[in-house]
């Protein structure tokens, strides 16, 4: 496992004084980036190779609250690869070693020139090694909204949403979706599925699906009816889907 330690900052907490969901995701993204950089296969290397590991999906379990000024340790490791896919776990532990967050992720190795998935070379996989996978509740990879959603006001992608790849950072989609959360309820788990990269100036059309114990937000490429999204007849019109499980 690759890991690094940190201390929860004021800038990382929410209105309740707890480590915020985007901060957790940023810690995980940073952790995998730190590992890749240490191994010599980081941002500059991949840019030169015109390749990238593109995040396909998150599944995260929030086990304990984390307060401001708490000392924490963030860790990550690969647990395997198959075809175009790479599989990676993340953990966030408290100072006493107690597990606060578990995460499972699926990545797609991609040719950045064509934008198409490609099979990584053996050395692209072997450099990370492998460790056993975390046992987590399996909610499935695909997020399928249920019922008829509520169409919300569209918004445009701003410059501060963009990362070094030239498109919206993965964490920003989750922040977009958090706008529709019921703040009186505790999020126990998060799922996110990424379908298409949004870029500066693109318009995002949200549709929100409210269930008894979950809230799903579909961040759409074009304005379509909620009924079409629910029925699946609007395939190919989604930037990302995010689901919060209460």
Protein backbone atom coordinates (compact mmCIF):
# COMPACT_ATOMS: atom_id res chain seq x y z
CA UNK A 1 0.00 0.00 0.00
CA UNK A 2 1.14 3.52 -0.77
CA UNK A 3 0.10 6.01 1.93
CA UNK A 4 0.60 9.53 3.21
CA UNK A 5 -0.46 11.34 6.37
CA UNK A 6 -2.31 14.61 6.75
CA UNK A 7 -4.31 16.73 9.18
CA UNK A 8 -7.85 17.86 8.46
CA UNK A 9 -7.91 21.55 7.61
CA UNK A 10 -10.66 24.12 8.10
CA UNK A 11 -10.88 24.43 4.30
CA UNK A 12 -11.84 20.73 4.10
CA UNK A 13 -14.80 20.66 6.47
CA UNK A 14 -18.51 21.18 5.86
CA UNK A 15 -21.05 23.25 7.77
CA UNK A 16 -21.14 20.59 10.50
CA UNK A 17 -17.39 20.77 11.05
CA UNK A 18 -16.76 17.36 9.48
CA UNK A 19 -14.45 16.35 6.62
CA UNK A 20 -16.48 17.02 3.49
CA UNK A 21 -17.14 14.46 0.75
CA UNK A 22 -15.19 16.37 -1.95
CA UNK A 23 -12.21 16.60 0.42
CA UNK A 24 -12.24 12.81 0.86
CA UNK A 25 -12.28 12.32 -2.90
CA UNK A 26 -9.48 14.84 -3.36
CA UNK A 27 -7.38 12.99 -0.79
CA UNK A 28 -7.91 9.76 -2.73
CA UNK A 29 -7.08 11.36 -6.09
CA UNK A 30 -3.97 12.92 -4.60
CA UNK A 31 -2.90 9.62 -3.07
CA UNK A 32 -2.99 7.74 -6.37
CA UNK A 33 -1.24 10.67 -8.08
CA UNK A 34 1.50 10.69 -5.43
CA UNK A 35 2.06 6.97 -5.92
CA UNK A 36 2.28 7.28 -9.70
CA UNK A 37 4.69 10.19 -9.44
CA UNK A 38 6.89 8.26 -7.00
CA UNK A 39 6.97 5.33 -9.41
CA UNK A 40 7.90 7.57 -12.35
CA UNK A 41 4.64 7.08 -14.23
CA UNK A 42 2.88 10.29 -13.23
CA UNK A 43 1.30 13.20 -15.07
CA UNK A 44 4.29 14.24 -17.20
CA UNK A 45 5.17 10.65 -18.12
CA UNK A 46 1.65 9.82 -19.24
CA UNK A 47 1.36 13.11 -21.14
CA UNK A 48 4.52 12.24 -23.06
CA UNK A 49 3.21 8.72 -23.75
CA UNK A 50 -0.17 10.18 -24.76
CA UNK A 51 -1.87 7.75 -22.40
CA UNK A 52 -3.97 8.15 -19.26
CA UNK A 53 -5.77 6.16 -16.61
CA UNK A 54 -9.30 7.59 -16.76
CA UNK A 55 -11.62 7.05 -13.81
CA UNK A 56 -14.72 5.10 -14.78
CA UNK A 57 -16.47 4.71 -11.43
CA UNK A 58 -16.29 5.26 -7.67
CA UNK A 59 -17.91 3.33 -4.85
CA UNK A 60 -17.25 4.81 -1.41
CA UNK A 61 -18.38 3.83 2.09
CA UNK A 62 -18.32 6.43 4.86
CA UNK A 63 -17.87 4.50 8.11
CA UNK A 64 -16.98 7.21 10.64
CA UNK A 65 -17.14 10.98 10.83
CA UNK A 66 -13.83 12.87 10.72
CA UNK A 67 -13.43 16.23 12.46
CA UNK A 68 -11.25 19.27 11.85
CA UNK A 69 -7.66 18.90 13.13
CA UNK A 70 -7.84 15.10 13.19
CA UNK A 71 -4.68 13.35 12.05
CA UNK A 72 -5.45 10.94 9.22
CA UNK A 73 -3.67 8.53 6.88
CA UNK A 74 -4.75 7.96 3.29
CA UNK A 75 -3.75 4.80 1.43
CA UNK A 76 -4.20 3.16 -1.95
CA UNK A 77 -3.22 0.04 -3.87
CA UNK A 78 -4.00 -1.82 -7.07
CA UNK A 79 -5.80 -5.15 -6.73
CA UNK A 80 -5.64 -6.19 -10.36
CA UNK A 81 -6.35 -5.45 -14.00
CA UNK A 82 -8.29 -7.06 -16.83
CA UNK A 83 -8.42 -5.99 -20.45
CA UNK A 84 -8.65 -2.19 -20.60
CA UNK A 85 -9.55 -1.92 -16.90
CA UNK A 86 -7.50 -1.32 -13.77
CA UNK A 87 -8.89 -1.81 -10.26
CA UNK A 88 -7.84 0.20 -7.22
CA UNK A 89 -8.85 0.47 -3.55
CA UNK A 90 -8.51 3.46 -1.26
CA UNK A 91 -8.74 3.81 2.51
CA UNK A 92 -8.79 6.68 4.97
CA UNK A 93 -7.80 5.81 8.54
CA UNK A 94 -7.87 7.78 11.77
CA UNK A 95 -4.75 8.29 13.88
CA UNK A 96 -5.57 5.21 15.98
CA UNK A 97 -5.82 3.07 12.85
CA UNK A 98 -9.62 2.91 12.83
CA UNK A 99 -11.04 2.79 9.32
CA UNK A 100 -13.15 5.84 8.44
CA UNK A 101 -13.63 5.44 4.67
CA UNK A 102 -13.33 2.59 2.16
CA UNK A 103 -13.39 3.06 -1.60
CA UNK A 104 -13.30 0.93 -4.71
CA UNK A 105 -12.54 2.37 -8.15
CA UNK A 106 -12.43 1.19 -11.75
CA UNK A 107 -10.13 2.90 -14.27
CA UNK A 108 -9.87 2.70 -18.06
CA UNK A 109 -6.50 2.95 -19.82
CA UNK A 110 -6.99 5.47 -22.62
CA UNK A 111 -5.19 6.81 -25.68
CA UNK A 112 -5.42 10.58 -25.13
CA UNK A 113 -5.02 11.36 -28.84
CA UNK A 114 -7.97 9.28 -30.04
CA UNK A 115 -9.87 9.25 -26.75
CA UNK A 116 -10.39 5.50 -27.08
CA UNK A 117 -9.72 2.79 -24.49
CA UNK A 118 -6.66 0.62 -25.09
CA UNK A 119 -5.20 -2.38 -23.34
CA UNK A 120 -2.28 -1.39 -21.07
CA UNK A 121 1.09 -3.05 -21.49
CA UNK A 122 2.25 -5.55 -18.89
CA UNK A 123 4.72 -3.02 -17.50
CA UNK A 124 1.93 -0.44 -17.10
CA UNK A 125 0.25 -2.87 -14.69
CA UNK A 126 3.18 -4.58 -13.00
CA UNK A 127 4.77 -1.37 -11.76
CA UNK A 128 1.97 -0.94 -9.22
CA UNK A 129 2.01 -4.51 -7.88
CA UNK A 130 -1.18 -5.96 -6.41
CA UNK A 131 -2.69 -6.48 -2.97
CA UNK A 132 -5.97 -8.10 -1.84
CA UNK A 133 -9.22 -6.30 -2.56
CA UNK A 134 -11.28 -4.75 0.24
CA UNK A 135 -14.53 -6.54 1.02
CA UNK A 136 -17.27 -3.97 0.42
CA UNK A 137 -20.99 -3.95 -0.30
CA UNK A 138 -21.38 -4.34 -4.05
CA UNK A 139 -23.98 -1.89 -5.35
CA UNK A 140 -23.07 -2.69 -8.95
CA UNK A 141 -21.10 -0.62 -11.39
CA UNK A 142 -23.98 0.84 -13.39
CA UNK A 143 -26.19 3.50 -11.82
CA UNK A 144 -29.74 3.21 -13.11
CA UNK A 145 -32.09 5.94 -11.86
CA UNK A 146 -35.54 4.80 -10.77
CA UNK A 147 -38.79 6.63 -11.34
CA UNK A 148 -39.33 9.99 -12.97
CA UNK A 149 -36.74 12.59 -12.10
CA UNK A 150 -37.06 16.31 -11.48
CA UNK A 151 -35.44 18.49 -14.13
CA UNK A 152 -33.28 21.18 -12.55
CA UNK A 153 -31.84 24.39 -13.99
CA UNK A 154 -28.93 23.92 -16.38
CA UNK A 155 -25.52 25.44 -15.67
CA UNK A 156 -22.27 25.94 -17.58
CA UNK A 157 -18.79 24.56 -16.91
CA UNK A 158 -16.44 27.19 -15.50
CA UNK A 159 -12.67 27.50 -15.80
CA UNK A 160 -12.13 26.47 -12.18
CA UNK A 161 -13.81 23.11 -12.87
CA UNK A 162 -11.08 22.08 -15.34
CA UNK A 163 -8.03 19.94 -14.50
CA UNK A 164 -4.74 19.17 -16.30
CA UNK A 165 -6.53 16.85 -18.72
CA UNK A 166 -8.55 19.77 -20.07
CA UNK A 167 -11.90 18.56 -18.81
CA UNK A 168 -14.01 18.69 -15.65
CA UNK A 169 -12.24 17.07 -12.70
CA UNK A 170 -13.92 13.93 -11.37
CA UNK A 171 -14.57 15.47 -7.96
CA UNK A 172 -16.41 18.44 -9.48
CA UNK A 173 -19.21 16.21 -10.79
CA UNK A 174 -19.81 15.02 -7.23
CA UNK A 175 -19.86 18.63 -6.04
CA UNK A 176 -22.39 19.47 -8.77
CA UNK A 177 -24.62 16.63 -7.55
CA UNK A 178 -24.28 17.60 -3.87
CA UNK A 179 -26.32 20.72 -4.60
CA UNK A 180 -29.46 18.56 -4.45
CA UNK A 181 -28.68 16.63 -1.24
CA UNK A 182 -30.99 16.56 1.76
CA UNK A 183 -28.58 18.09 4.28
CA UNK A 184 -30.60 16.69 7.19
CA UNK A 185 -29.59 13.13 6.22
CA UNK A 186 -26.20 11.45 6.59
CA UNK A 187 -24.60 10.03 3.44
CA UNK A 188 -23.49 6.45 4.14
CA UNK A 189 -22.20 5.62 0.67
CA UNK A 190 -21.49 7.27 -2.66
CA UNK A 191 -21.43 5.93 -6.19
CA UNK A 192 -20.29 7.82 -9.27
CA UNK A 193 -20.18 6.68 -12.88
CA UNK A 194 -18.39 8.74 -15.54
CA UNK A 195 -19.59 8.51 -19.13
CA UNK A 196 -18.39 11.56 -21.09
CA UNK A 197 -15.91 14.35 -20.33
CA UNK A 198 -17.35 17.85 -19.98
CA UNK A 199 -15.16 20.78 -21.03
CA UNK A 200 -15.08 24.50 -20.44
CA UNK A 201 -18.24 26.19 -21.70
CA UNK A 202 -20.31 23.00 -21.94
CA UNK A 203 -23.83 23.16 -20.55
CA UNK A 204 -24.87 20.51 -18.02
CA UNK A 205 -28.52 19.57 -17.58
CA UNK A 206 -29.22 17.92 -14.21
CA UNK A 207 -32.08 15.53 -13.50
CA UNK A 208 -32.63 14.51 -9.87
CA UNK A 209 -34.21 11.22 -8.73
CA UNK A 210 -35.33 10.99 -5.11
CA UNK A 211 -35.82 7.58 -3.51
CA UNK A 212 -36.52 6.61 0.09
CA UNK A 213 -32.89 5.90 0.94
CA UNK A 214 -30.99 7.38 -1.98
CA UNK A 215 -30.66 10.39 -4.22
CA UNK A 216 -29.39 10.03 -7.77
CA UNK A 217 -28.30 12.91 -9.97
CA UNK A 218 -27.90 12.48 -13.72
CA UNK A 219 -25.70 15.22 -15.19
CA UNK A 220 -26.76 15.27 -18.81
CA UNK A 221 -25.19 16.45 -22.05
CA UNK A 222 -28.41 17.79 -23.53
CA UNK A 223 -31.84 18.78 -22.44
CA UNK A 224 -34.03 15.68 -22.48
CA UNK A 225 -37.10 14.72 -20.54
CA UNK A 226 -36.74 13.00 -17.18
CA UNK A 227 -38.97 10.23 -18.51
CA UNK A 228 -36.48 9.52 -21.32
CA UNK A 229 -33.59 9.34 -18.87
CA UNK A 230 -35.53 7.04 -16.56
CA UNK A 231 -36.44 4.69 -19.38
CA UNK A 232 -32.89 4.55 -20.69
CA UNK A 233 -33.94 5.77 -24.14
CA UNK A 234 -31.56 8.73 -23.89
CA UNK A 235 -28.40 6.64 -23.91
CA UNK A 236 -25.23 8.54 -24.65
CA UNK A 237 -26.54 11.81 -23.24
CA UNK A 238 -24.88 11.64 -19.81
CA UNK A 239 -21.64 13.19 -18.56
CA UNK A 240 -21.87 11.46 -15.19
CA UNK A 241 -24.29 9.95 -12.70
CA UNK A 242 -23.82 10.31 -8.98
CA UNK A 243 -25.78 8.45 -6.30
CA UNK A 244 -25.82 9.22 -2.59
CA UNK A 245 -27.06 6.44 -0.33
CA UNK A 246 -28.53 7.50 3.04
